[in-house]
């Protein structure tokens, strides 16, 4: 493996690691948003039941 191939391999690994670090918090936020929506739906169902 020459110096250029080695540099490209390192650059690719760094970019892939950076992509993982940037993507994981976004996925965590999406699951949190999903939890909030689920709680909102449960609250709406309970409110509808109380009004009947």
Protein backbone atom coordinates (compact mmCIF):
# COMPACT_ATOMS: atom_id res chain seq x y z
CA UNK A 1 0.00 0.00 0.00
CA UNK A 2 1.57 3.27 -1.05
CA UNK A 3 1.33 6.59 0.77
CA UNK A 4 -1.58 7.87 -1.36
CA UNK A 5 -3.70 4.75 -0.77
CA UNK A 6 -2.92 4.92 2.93
CA UNK A 7 -3.96 8.59 3.10
CA UNK A 8 -7.22 7.87 1.24
CA UNK A 9 -8.00 4.95 3.56
CA UNK A 10 -7.40 7.10 6.65
CA UNK A 11 -9.48 9.95 5.21
CA UNK A 12 -12.32 7.52 4.45
CA UNK A 13 -12.23 6.08 7.96
CA UNK A 14 -12.25 9.56 9.52
CA UNK A 15 -15.19 10.67 7.36
CA UNK A 16 -17.12 7.51 8.22
CA UNK A 17 -16.51 8.00 11.95
CA UNK A 18 -17.54 11.66 11.68
CA UNK A 19 -20.72 10.62 9.87
CA UNK A 20 -21.57 8.19 12.70
CA UNK A 21 -20.98 10.87 15.36
CA UNK A 22 -23.19 13.32 13.48
CA UNK A 23 -25.96 10.80 12.76
CA UNK A 24 -26.37 9.19 16.19
CA UNK A 25 -27.63 12.32 18.01
CA UNK A 26 -30.14 12.89 15.21
CA UNK A 27 -31.47 9.36 15.59
CA UNK A 28 -31.74 9.92 19.34
CA UNK A 29 -33.72 13.11 18.73
CA UNK A 30 -36.09 11.29 16.37
CA UNK A 31 -36.87 8.63 18.96
CA UNK A 32 -37.47 11.37 21.55
CA UNK A 33 -39.84 13.16 19.18
CA UNK A 34 -41.64 9.85 18.64
CA UNK A 35 -41.99 9.43 22.42
CA UNK A 36 -43.44 12.94 22.75
CA UNK A 37 -45.95 12.26 19.95
CA UNK A 38 -46.98 9.00 21.62
CA UNK A 39 -47.54 10.77 24.95
CA UNK A 40 -49.56 13.45 23.14
CA UNK A 41 -51.78 10.82 21.53
CA UNK A 42 -52.32 9.08 24.88
CA UNK A 43 -53.20 12.43 26.49
CA UNK A 44 -55.71 13.19 23.71
CA UNK A 45 -57.34 9.78 24.12
CA UNK A 46 -57.64 10.29 27.88
CA UNK A 47 -59.13 13.77 27.37
CA UNK A 48 -61.69 12.37 24.93
CA UNK A 49 -62.65 9.68 27.44
CA UNK A 50 -63.17 12.23 30.23
CA UNK A 51 -65.38 14.45 28.08
CA UNK A 52 -67.80 11.64 27.18
